[in-house]
Amino acid sequence: MAIPLFHSLKGKVLAGYLIGFLLMSGVVLINLNNFTDMQSIVLKGEVASELIDTIFEVRRYEKNYFLYSKEEDLRELRHYLSELDRLVKKNQQDIESFAKHEFIITLQKEIGEYEELLGQLEDNKTSYLEDRIRNKGRDITKRAEKMAELKKEKIKKAITSSKNILIASIISLVISGFIASAVFYRMFARPLMLFEQHVKRIAEGEYSFLPALSQDRELISLSKAFNRMLVELELRQSHLTLIQTEKLASLGTLLFGVAHELNNPLNNISTSCQILKEEIETGDPEFKKELLLQIEQEADRARDIVRSILDYSKSGKKETINLNSAVREAIRFIKAEIPSKVELIIDIPEDIAIFADPQQIKQVFLNLIKNSIEAIDEEGQIKISAKSYKTYVEISVSDTGRGIPSQVLSRIFDPFFTTKDGGKGYGLGLFVTHNIIKEHGGTIDVRSSYGQGTTFLIKLPVKEKSYVSKDTHS
């Protein structure tokens, strides 16, 4: 069954945008129409202004004619009077927008009477007739002044109306904005705030699933995804015990190798001390010096082993390290586990260096060498070699063991995948190795066929200095 559109945040957002668009469009159209009316009033006012200016020209030439009696002034007077009559007839509809129809009729009537009196003036120019023409001109002038007042009042009303409409539009938009904010807060902010509070409770140890935040399908999907994540975290938490067990197994290997390495110099020191005690009174001084020198050398050897362990425990900081030294120190930890019939060959130039975390890189070689040892049934060979290129170092770890079947070759880097029998190991060694190489910006690949051995190819980047001197502790 399809979820209704209003049960979707996307649908609500689209609906909100549509409503906002329609509201804004309505406001724009109203104001546009209002400004269009304003423009029309202004244009019609220009017609009224032209009429008023023409009337004033008529009165000006009327005055000049009565003062100087020039025919030129009379001709100009008749011309502007004719122009005034034409403008009134042509723009009657525009004038009626701010003056009543009776006003226009009266104006036309007064203009006609003025023309008639002016025609009589040519036949009989008397002071009485001049007075009548002047009076009629004043009537027309008053009509013009009245027209100017009407025009001014009309424009003032239009401006006030535009102002009120604009204010009403702004108020309506502000109110709509507040309403939209409240709606969007209810739809988005409040559910997300509840989500944040629930996450904080989980961070504080109150482990519980996230309830439905709302009826919107996006938030329902978020709740389901978050709850799935909690289930995955719970599963991963259960895997941590196995990973910790794998780490303890690696630690056991490390401690076994360290005990084996320390046992030899300590035995030599003990033996030299016993001989020295027996020879302390009568022995040859040169022989005693040789025994003391052996004790000093074996003590330095034990110190170097302990220093290697301390260096191994330091992690998290990448630096330029000598590859040969790193490999040999890793071998020192696992040397006791290498069978006597397994030959270990190291073919790494002394001057090759990589930019890496020393502890993690040693962990990589520990895992790979241990994996090769377990792959060799009786006797065989493990070879570690490296080549340096301009921007990276290629490292090869190969063995002559039983190899890996082709059908499982693509899964060997998966966590908890193992081909060992009897529940040996947890399948995390190669997974950890792959992650370490990846974190260092490198790649690891495997080439193997069942019964023909295995080769791991590692490429690690070279940063800053490509070559460093050999570690003195190796």
Protein backbone atom coordinates (compact mmCIF):
# COMPACT_ATOMS: atom_id res chain seq x y z
CA MET A 1 0.00 0.00 0.00
CA ALA A 2 1.47 3.35 -1.03
CA ILE A 3 2.19 5.85 1.74
CA PRO A 4 0.20 9.10 1.26
CA LEU A 5 2.19 12.10 0.13
CA PHE A 6 1.55 13.96 3.39
CA HIS A 7 3.27 11.11 5.29
CA SER A 8 6.51 11.94 3.51
CA LEU A 9 8.93 14.74 4.41
CA LYS A 10 9.67 15.14 0.73
CA GLY A 11 5.97 15.56 -0.02
CA LYS A 12 5.55 18.05 2.80
CA VAL A 13 8.55 20.05 1.67
CA LEU A 14 7.27 20.10 -1.90
CA ALA A 15 3.82 21.14 -0.66
CA GLY A 16 5.44 23.87 1.46
CA TYR A 17 7.43 25.11 -1.51
CA LEU A 18 4.27 25.09 -3.65
CA ILE A 19 2.25 27.01 -1.05
CA GLY A 20 5.11 29.48 -0.59
CA PHE A 21 5.41 29.88 -4.35
CA LEU A 22 1.69 30.50 -4.73
CA LEU A 23 1.72 32.97 -1.83
CA MET A 24 4.70 34.85 -3.19
CA SER A 25 3.19 34.81 -6.68
CA GLY A 26 -0.07 36.24 -5.31
CA VAL A 27 1.78 39.00 -3.45
CA VAL A 28 3.86 39.80 -6.51
CA LEU A 29 0.84 39.87 -8.80
CA ILE A 30 -1.13 42.11 -6.42
CA ASN A 31 1.75 44.56 -6.10
CA LEU A 32 2.50 44.38 -9.82
CA ASN A 33 -1.12 45.15 -10.61
CA ASN A 34 -1.05 47.99 -8.09
CA PHE A 35 2.10 49.46 -9.60
CA THR A 36 0.55 49.12 -13.05
CA ASP A 37 -2.43 51.15 -11.85
CA MET A 38 -0.01 53.68 -10.41
CA GLN A 39 1.77 53.92 -13.74
CA SER A 40 -1.56 54.40 -15.53
CA ILE A 41 -2.58 57.17 -13.12
CA VAL A 42 0.77 58.91 -13.58
CA LEU A 43 0.46 58.72 -17.38
CA LYS A 44 -3.09 60.08 -17.22
CA GLY A 45 -1.86 62.78 -14.89
CA GLU A 46 0.62 63.80 -17.58
CA VAL A 47 -2.34 64.30 -19.94
CA ALA A 48 -3.98 66.52 -17.32
CA SER A 49 -0.73 68.42 -16.91
CA GLU A 50 -0.57 68.97 -20.66
CA LEU A 51 -4.15 70.29 -20.63
CA ILE A 52 -3.35 72.65 -17.76
CA ASP A 53 -0.20 73.91 -19.51
CA THR A 54 -2.19 74.54 -22.70
CA ILE A 55 -4.84 76.50 -20.77
CA PHE A 56 -2.11 78.66 -19.24
CA GLU A 57 -0.69 79.30 -22.73
CA VAL A 58 -4.15 80.37 -23.89
CA ARG A 59 -4.42 82.82 -20.99
CA ARG A 60 -0.90 84.12 -21.62
CA TYR A 61 -1.57 84.96 -25.27
CA GLU A 62 -4.97 86.35 -24.34
CA LYS A 63 -3.30 88.79 -21.98
CA ASN A 64 -0.66 89.75 -24.56
CA TYR A 65 -3.28 90.35 -27.21
CA PHE A 66 -5.35 92.66 -25.02
CA LEU A 67 -2.25 94.55 -23.98
CA TYR A 68 -0.50 94.96 -27.33
CA SER A 69 -3.23 94.12 -29.92
CA LYS A 70 -0.80 92.12 -32.05
CA GLU A 71 -2.18 89.74 -34.63
CA GLU A 72 0.60 87.25 -33.81
CA ASP A 73 -0.72 86.90 -30.28
CA LEU A 74 -4.23 86.39 -31.60
CA ARG A 75 -3.07 83.65 -33.95
CA GLU A 76 -1.17 81.92 -31.15
CA LEU A 77 -4.24 82.32 -28.93
CA ARG A 78 -6.48 80.61 -31.53
CA HIS A 79 -3.82 77.90 -32.06
CA TYR A 80 -3.56 76.97 -28.36
CA LEU A 81 -7.34 77.21 -28.00
CA SER A 82 -7.75 74.76 -30.87
CA GLU A 83 -5.07 72.50 -29.32
CA LEU A 84 -6.91 72.66 -25.98
CA ASP A 85 -10.18 71.59 -27.62
CA ARG A 86 -8.39 68.73 -29.40
CA LEU A 87 -6.69 67.49 -26.21
CA VAL A 88 -9.98 67.49 -24.30
CA LYS A 89 -11.77 65.48 -26.99
CA LYS A 90 -8.84 63.09 -27.53
CA ASN A 91 -8.13 62.38 -23.85
CA GLN A 92 -11.65 62.59 -22.48
CA GLN A 93 -11.52 59.02 -21.14
CA ASP A 94 -8.18 59.62 -19.38
CA ILE A 95 -9.42 62.86 -17.83
CA GLU A 96 -12.55 61.13 -16.54
CA SER A 97 -10.26 58.77 -14.49
CA PHE A 98 -9.81 61.58 -11.94
CA ALA A 99 -12.62 64.03 -12.93
CA LYS A 100 -16.33 63.41 -13.33
CA HIS A 101 -17.99 63.34 -16.72
CA GLU A 102 -19.97 66.49 -15.90
CA PHE A 103 -16.64 68.23 -15.25
CA ILE A 104 -15.47 67.41 -18.79
CA ILE A 105 -18.79 68.51 -20.32
CA THR A 106 -18.61 71.82 -18.45
CA LEU A 107 -14.99 72.33 -19.55
CA GLN A 108 -15.88 71.65 -23.18
CA LYS A 109 -18.83 74.01 -22.91
CA GLU A 110 -16.65 76.79 -21.47
CA ILE A 111 -14.04 76.28 -24.19
CA GLY A 112 -16.79 76.51 -26.83
CA GLU A 113 -18.16 79.71 -25.30
CA TYR A 114 -14.64 81.11 -25.16
CA GLU A 115 -14.18 80.38 -28.89
CA GLU A 116 -17.51 82.00 -29.68
CA LEU A 117 -16.65 85.17 -27.75
CA LEU A 118 -13.26 85.24 -29.42
CA GLY A 119 -15.01 85.08 -32.83
CA GLN A 120 -17.23 88.02 -31.90
CA LEU A 121 -14.15 89.98 -30.91
CA GLU A 122 -12.97 90.14 -34.53
CA ASP A 123 -16.18 91.87 -35.66
CA ASN A 124 -16.73 94.13 -32.69
CA LYS A 125 -13.85 94.76 -30.34
CA THR A 126 -15.34 96.39 -27.25
CA SER A 127 -14.30 96.58 -23.63
CA TYR A 128 -17.45 94.73 -22.61
CA LEU A 129 -16.58 91.82 -24.88
CA GLU A 130 -12.99 91.81 -23.62
CA ASP A 131 -14.25 91.62 -20.05
CA ARG A 132 -16.48 88.68 -20.94
CA ILE A 133 -13.53 86.88 -22.62
CA ARG A 134 -11.33 87.51 -19.59
CA ASN A 135 -14.02 86.25 -17.23
CA LYS A 136 -14.54 83.11 -19.35
CA GLY A 137 -10.75 82.59 -19.40
CA ARG A 138 -10.69 82.83 -15.62
CA ASP A 139 -13.46 80.22 -15.45
CA ILE A 140 -11.41 77.90 -17.64
CA THR A 141 -8.32 78.58 -15.48
CA LYS A 142 -10.26 77.74 -12.33
CA ARG A 143 -11.38 74.57 -14.07
CA ALA A 144 -7.70 73.79 -14.77
CA GLU A 145 -6.73 74.45 -11.15
CA LYS A 146 -9.58 72.21 -10.03
CA MET A 147 -8.31 69.55 -12.45
CA ALA A 148 -4.82 69.86 -10.91
CA GLU A 149 -6.27 69.39 -7.42
CA LEU A 150 -8.24 66.34 -8.57
CA LYS A 151 -5.12 64.88 -10.20
CA LYS A 152 -3.06 65.47 -7.07
CA GLU A 153 -5.72 63.89 -4.87
CA LYS A 154 -6.01 60.89 -7.19
CA ILE A 155 -2.24 60.30 -7.17
CA LYS A 156 -2.13 60.72 -3.37
CA LYS A 157 -4.88 58.12 -2.94
CA ALA A 158 -3.07 55.76 -5.31
CA ILE A 159 0.20 56.15 -3.36
CA THR A 160 -1.60 55.54 -0.05
CA SER A 161 -3.29 52.47 -1.50
CA SER A 162 0.04 51.13 -2.81
CA LYS A 163 1.64 51.73 0.56
CA ASN A 164 -1.16 49.91 2.39
CA ILE A 165 -1.04 46.98 -0.04
CA LEU A 166 2.74 46.74 0.32
CA ILE A 167 2.53 46.82 4.13
CA ALA A 168 -0.25 44.22 4.08
CA SER A 169 1.89 42.04 1.78
CA ILE A 170 4.89 42.29 4.11
CA ILE A 171 2.76 41.49 7.16
CA SER A 172 1.20 38.51 5.41
CA LEU A 173 4.65 37.22 4.41
CA VAL A 174 5.97 37.64 7.96
CA ILE A 175 2.97 35.83 9.42
CA SER A 176 3.32 33.10 6.80
CA GLY A 177 7.02 32.82 7.68
CA PHE A 178 6.22 32.33 11.37
CA ILE A 179 3.59 29.72 10.52
CA ALA A 180 6.02 27.94 8.16
CA SER A 181 8.73 28.00 10.85
CA ALA A 182 6.37 26.43 13.38
CA VAL A 183 5.29 23.78 10.88
CA PHE A 184 8.86 22.98 9.83
CA TYR A 185 9.96 22.84 13.48
CA ARG A 186 7.28 20.28 14.15
CA MET A 187 8.21 18.29 11.06
CA PHE A 188 12.03 18.44 11.25
CA ALA A 189 13.59 20.07 14.30
CA ARG A 190 11.53 18.35 16.98
CA PRO A 191 12.05 14.77 15.67
CA LEU A 192 15.77 15.44 15.17
CA MET A 193 16.01 16.87 18.69
CA LEU A 194 14.40 13.69 20.03
CA PHE A 195 16.88 11.70 17.94
CA GLU A 196 19.79 13.68 19.42
CA GLN A 197 18.53 13.14 22.98
CA HIS A 198 18.19 9.40 22.37
CA VAL A 199 21.73 9.20 20.96
CA LYS A 200 23.04 11.01 24.06
CA ARG A 201 21.28 8.49 26.31
CA ILE A 202 22.89 5.65 24.35
CA ALA A 203 26.29 7.35 24.69
CA GLU A 204 25.70 7.50 28.46
CA GLY A 205 25.08 3.75 28.57
CA GLU A 206 21.27 3.54 28.27
CA TYR A 207 21.18 1.01 25.44
CA SER A 208 17.73 1.01 23.83
CA PHE A 209 16.22 1.04 20.38
CA LEU A 210 15.06 4.29 18.83
CA PRO A 211 11.26 4.71 18.78
CA ALA A 212 9.41 6.06 15.76
CA LEU A 213 10.15 9.78 15.50
CA SER A 214 7.09 10.59 13.37
CA GLN A 215 4.82 9.16 10.69
CA ASP A 216 7.01 10.49 7.87
CA ARG A 217 8.60 7.68 5.90
CA GLU A 218 12.05 9.31 5.83
CA LEU A 219 12.17 9.52 9.62
CA ILE A 220 10.75 6.01 9.86
CA SER A 221 13.60 4.85 7.61
CA LEU A 222 16.08 6.74 9.80
CA SER A 223 14.74 5.01 12.92
CA LYS A 224 14.95 1.59 11.26
CA ALA A 225 18.47 2.26 9.97
CA PHE A 226 19.61 3.46 13.40
CA ASN A 227 18.13 0.39 15.09
CA ARG A 228 19.84 -1.85 12.50
CA MET A 229 23.09 -0.09 13.36
CA LEU A 230 22.54 -0.84 17.05
CA VAL A 231 22.04 -4.52 16.20
CA GLU A 232 25.25 -4.49 14.14
CA LEU A 233 27.13 -2.80 16.98
CA GLU A 234 25.90 -5.48 19.35
CA LEU A 235 27.13 -8.18 16.97
CA ARG A 236 30.47 -6.44 16.55
CA GLN A 237 30.76 -6.13 20.31
CA SER A 238 30.43 -9.88 20.56
CA HIS A 239 33.21 -10.21 17.98
CA LEU A 240 35.52 -8.04 20.08
CA THR A 241 36.02 -10.96 22.47
CA LEU A 242 37.31 -13.09 19.61
CA ILE A 243 39.53 -10.25 18.40
CA GLN A 244 40.92 -9.81 21.91
CA THR A 245 41.62 -13.54 22.01
CA GLU A 246 43.53 -13.21 18.73
CA LYS A 247 45.55 -10.37 20.23
CA LEU A 248 46.34 -12.50 23.28
CA ALA A 249 47.48 -15.31 21.00
CA SER A 250 49.80 -12.88 19.19
CA LEU A 251 51.04 -11.66 22.55
CA GLY A 252 51.74 -15.27 23.55
CA THR A 253 53.78 -15.74 20.39
CA LEU A 254 55.67 -12.54 21.12
CA LEU A 255 56.40 -13.53 24.74
CA PHE A 256 57.51 -17.00 23.71
CA GLY A 257 59.95 -15.51 21.19
CA VAL A 258 61.23 -12.98 23.72
CA ALA A 259 61.76 -15.68 26.36
CA HIS A 260 63.67 -17.80 23.86
CA GLU A 261 65.81 -14.84 22.77
CA LEU A 262 66.58 -13.74 26.33
CA ASN A 263 67.33 -17.26 27.51
CA ASN A 264 70.54 -17.58 25.43
CA PRO A 265 72.34 -14.41 26.61
CA LEU A 266 71.21 -15.02 30.21
CA ASN A 267 72.59 -18.58 30.10
CA ASN A 268 75.87 -17.31 28.68
CA ILE A 269 76.08 -14.64 31.39
CA SER A 270 75.34 -17.24 34.09
CA THR A 271 77.97 -19.66 32.73
CA SER A 272 80.60 -16.92 32.47
CA CYS A 273 79.88 -15.80 36.03
CA GLN A 274 80.29 -19.34 37.40
CA ILE A 275 83.63 -19.78 35.62
CA LEU A 276 84.76 -16.37 36.83
CA LYS A 277 83.92 -17.31 40.43
CA GLU A 278 86.01 -20.44 40.16
CA GLU A 279 88.95 -18.60 38.60
CA ILE A 280 88.74 -15.42 40.71
CA GLU A 281 91.67 -16.35 42.96
CA THR A 282 94.11 -18.16 40.71
CA GLY A 283 92.92 -17.72 37.14
CA ASP A 284 94.73 -16.09 34.25
CA PRO A 285 93.94 -12.30 34.19
CA GLU A 286 93.54 -12.35 30.40
CA PHE A 287 91.05 -15.19 30.67
CA LYS A 288 89.14 -13.26 33.33
CA LYS A 289 89.02 -10.19 31.10
CA GLU A 290 87.68 -12.33 28.24
CA LEU A 291 84.92 -13.70 30.52
CA LEU A 292 83.98 -10.17 31.62
CA LEU A 293 83.90 -9.05 27.99
CA GLN A 294 81.55 -11.93 27.15
CA ILE A 295 79.30 -10.96 30.07
CA GLU A 296 79.22 -7.36 28.79
CA GLN A 297 78.42 -8.46 25.22
CA GLU A 298 75.63 -10.79 26.35
CA ALA A 299 74.19 -8.04 28.58
CA ASP A 300 74.19 -5.67 25.58
CA ARG A 301 72.47 -8.37 23.56
CA ALA A 302 69.73 -8.73 26.22
CA ARG A 303 69.40 -4.93 26.36
CA ASP A 304 68.88 -4.80 22.59
CA ILE A 305 66.16 -7.45 22.84
CA VAL A 306 64.33 -5.47 25.54
CA ARG A 307 64.76 -2.27 23.51
CA SER A 308 63.22 -3.98 20.48
CA ILE A 309 60.22 -4.94 22.63
CA LEU A 310 59.85 -1.34 23.79
CA ASP A 311 60.06 -0.09 20.21
CA TYR A 312 57.44 -2.66 19.20
CA SER A 313 55.03 -1.38 21.86
CA LYS A 314 55.12 2.16 20.48
CA SER A 315 52.36 2.73 17.90
CA GLY A 316 50.33 5.45 16.28
CA LYS A 317 53.18 7.54 14.90
CA LYS A 318 54.43 7.11 11.36
CA GLU A 319 58.07 7.74 10.57
CA THR A 320 60.72 6.83 8.06
CA ILE A 321 62.09 3.41 9.07
CA ASN A 322 64.65 1.00 7.65
CA LEU A 323 62.78 -1.91 6.07
CA ASN A 324 65.54 -4.49 6.61
CA SER A 325 65.75 -3.64 10.32
CA ALA A 326 61.98 -3.77 10.76
CA VAL A 327 61.80 -7.24 9.14
CA ARG A 328 64.66 -8.62 11.22
CA GLU A 329 63.19 -7.32 14.47
CA ALA A 330 59.86 -8.95 13.60
CA ILE A 331 61.69 -12.22 12.89
CA ARG A 332 63.42 -11.99 16.28
CA PHE A 333 60.02 -12.24 18.01
CA ILE A 334 58.94 -15.32 16.08
CA LYS A 335 62.33 -16.97 15.58
CA ALA A 336 61.64 -19.62 18.21
CA GLU A 337 58.60 -20.84 16.26
CA ILE A 338 60.47 -21.34 12.97
CA PRO A 339 61.10 -25.09 12.50
CA SER A 340 64.67 -26.17 11.83
CA LYS A 341 63.71 -27.56 8.42
CA VAL A 342 62.24 -24.24 7.28
CA GLU A 343 64.77 -21.96 5.62
CA LEU A 344 64.21 -18.23 6.04
CA ILE A 345 65.81 -16.01 3.38
CA ILE A 346 65.90 -12.21 3.63
CA ASP A 347 66.76 -10.40 0.42
CA ILE A 348 66.19 -6.74 1.27
CA PRO A 349 68.74 -4.05 0.35
CA GLU A 350 70.14 -2.32 3.41
CA ASP A 351 69.19 1.18 2.20
CA ILE A 352 65.46 0.72 1.46
CA ALA A 353 63.15 2.69 3.74
CA ILE A 354 59.39 3.13 4.11
CA PHE A 355 57.20 5.71 5.83
CA ALA A 356 55.12 3.75 8.35
CA ASP A 357 54.17 3.00 11.93
CA PRO A 358 57.01 0.69 13.09
CA GLN A 359 54.85 -1.41 15.42
CA GLN A 360 52.11 -1.98 12.86
CA ILE A 361 54.54 -2.88 10.06
CA LYS A 362 56.26 -5.41 12.34
CA GLN A 363 52.82 -6.83 13.09
CA VAL A 364 52.29 -7.26 9.33
CA PHE A 365 55.50 -9.28 8.95
CA LEU A 366 54.75 -11.29 12.10
CA ASN A 367 51.34 -12.27 10.69
CA LEU A 368 52.66 -13.12 7.21
CA ILE A 369 55.67 -15.13 8.46
CA LYS A 370 53.51 -17.01 10.96
CA ASN A 371 51.00 -17.71 8.18
CA SER A 372 53.82 -19.07 5.97
CA ILE A 373 55.18 -21.27 8.77
CA GLU A 374 51.75 -22.82 9.30
CA ALA A 375 51.40 -23.41 5.54
CA ILE A 376 54.62 -25.50 5.37
CA ASP A 377 53.96 -29.07 6.49
CA GLU A 378 57.51 -30.42 6.96
CA GLU A 379 60.34 -28.60 5.26
CA GLY A 380 60.36 -25.62 2.94
CA GLN A 381 61.46 -22.08 2.39
CA ILE A 382 60.21 -18.60 3.29
CA LYS A 383 61.65 -15.69 1.35
CA ILE A 384 61.22 -11.99 2.07
CA SER A 385 62.47 -9.61 -0.63
CA ALA A 386 61.96 -5.97 -1.59
CA LYS A 387 62.52 -3.57 -4.47
CA SER A 388 62.51 0.20 -4.32
CA TYR A 389 60.83 2.39 -6.93
CA LYS A 390 60.42 6.15 -7.21
CA THR A 391 57.24 6.53 -5.16
CA TYR A 392 56.75 3.13 -3.52
CA VAL A 393 58.48 0.01 -2.22
CA GLU A 394 57.35 -3.44 -3.35
CA ILE A 395 57.73 -6.19 -0.74
CA SER A 396 57.35 -9.89 -1.47
CA VAL A 397 56.71 -12.56 1.19
CA SER A 398 56.63 -16.00 -0.41
CA ASP A 399 56.66 -19.58 0.86
CA THR A 400 56.75 -23.09 -0.58
CA GLY A 401 53.83 -24.27 1.51
CA ARG A 402 50.65 -26.02 0.49
CA GLY A 403 49.16 -22.91 -1.14
CA ILE A 404 45.59 -21.62 -1.12
CA PRO A 405 42.72 -23.22 -3.09
CA SER A 406 41.47 -20.93 -5.88
CA GLN A 407 37.86 -21.09 -4.67
CA VAL A 408 38.74 -19.39 -1.36
CA LEU A 409 41.53 -17.12 -2.59
CA SER A 410 39.23 -14.07 -2.83
CA ARG A 411 38.09 -14.48 0.80
CA ILE A 412 41.36 -14.75 2.69
CA PHE A 413 41.27 -11.08 3.79
CA ASP A 414 37.71 -11.38 5.15
CA PRO A 415 37.37 -11.21 8.95
CA PHE A 416 36.89 -14.55 10.75
CA PHE A 417 37.64 -16.56 7.59
CA THR A 418 40.14 -19.37 8.10
CA THR A 419 41.14 -22.61 6.36
CA LYS A 420 42.91 -24.03 9.44
CA ASP A 421 41.64 -27.29 10.87
CA GLY A 422 40.67 -27.99 14.44
CA GLY A 423 39.59 -24.46 15.29
CA LYS A 424 43.13 -23.08 15.16
CA GLY A 425 43.03 -19.31 14.94
CA TYR A 426 40.12 -16.96 14.37
CA GLY A 427 40.81 -15.81 10.83
CA LEU A 428 41.85 -12.31 11.85
CA GLY A 429 45.57 -12.26 11.02
CA LEU A 430 45.28 -11.49 7.31
CA PHE A 431 42.28 -9.24 7.95
CA VAL A 432 44.36 -7.12 10.36
CA THR A 433 47.29 -7.17 7.93
CA HIS A 434 45.09 -5.95 5.08
CA ASN A 435 43.71 -3.11 7.21
CA ILE A 436 47.18 -1.99 8.34
CA ILE A 437 48.45 -1.86 4.75
CA LYS A 438 45.33 0.03 3.67
CA GLU A 439 45.73 2.57 6.51
CA HIS A 440 49.27 3.21 5.28
CA GLY A 441 48.01 4.03 1.78
CA GLY A 442 49.38 0.80 0.34
CA THR A 443 48.04 -2.35 -1.28
CA ILE A 444 48.41 -6.07 -0.62
CA ASP A 445 47.78 -8.79 -3.17
CA VAL A 446 48.14 -12.58 -3.08
CA ARG A 447 49.22 -15.05 -5.73
CA SER A 448 48.77 -18.72 -4.93
CA SER A 449 47.85 -22.09 -6.34
CA TYR A 450 47.09 -25.13 -4.27
CA GLY A 451 50.25 -27.21 -3.81
CA GLN A 452 52.54 -24.54 -5.33
CA GLY A 453 53.11 -22.12 -2.49
CA THR A 454 51.90 -18.57 -1.81
CA THR A 455 53.29 -15.09 -2.48
CA PHE A 456 52.02 -11.90 -0.84
CA LEU A 457 52.91 -8.69 -2.70
CA ILE A 458 52.84 -5.48 -0.68
CA LYS A 459 53.24 -1.95 -2.05
CA LEU A 460 53.91 0.83 0.46
CA PRO A 461 54.42 4.52 -0.37
CA VAL A 462 57.71 6.28 0.23
CA LYS A 463 57.38 9.67 1.87
CA GLU A 464 60.01 12.35 2.34
CA LYS A 465 63.40 10.56 2.55
CA SER A 466 63.60 7.35 0.56
CA TYR A 467 66.73 6.08 2.29
CA VAL A 468 67.87 5.99 5.90
CA SER A 469 70.79 4.43 7.67
CA LYS A 470 70.45 0.93 9.07
CA ASP A 471 69.11 0.63 12.61
CA THR A 472 71.90 -0.02 15.05
CA HIS A 473 69.65 -2.19 17.21
CA SER A 474 69.01 -4.86 14.59
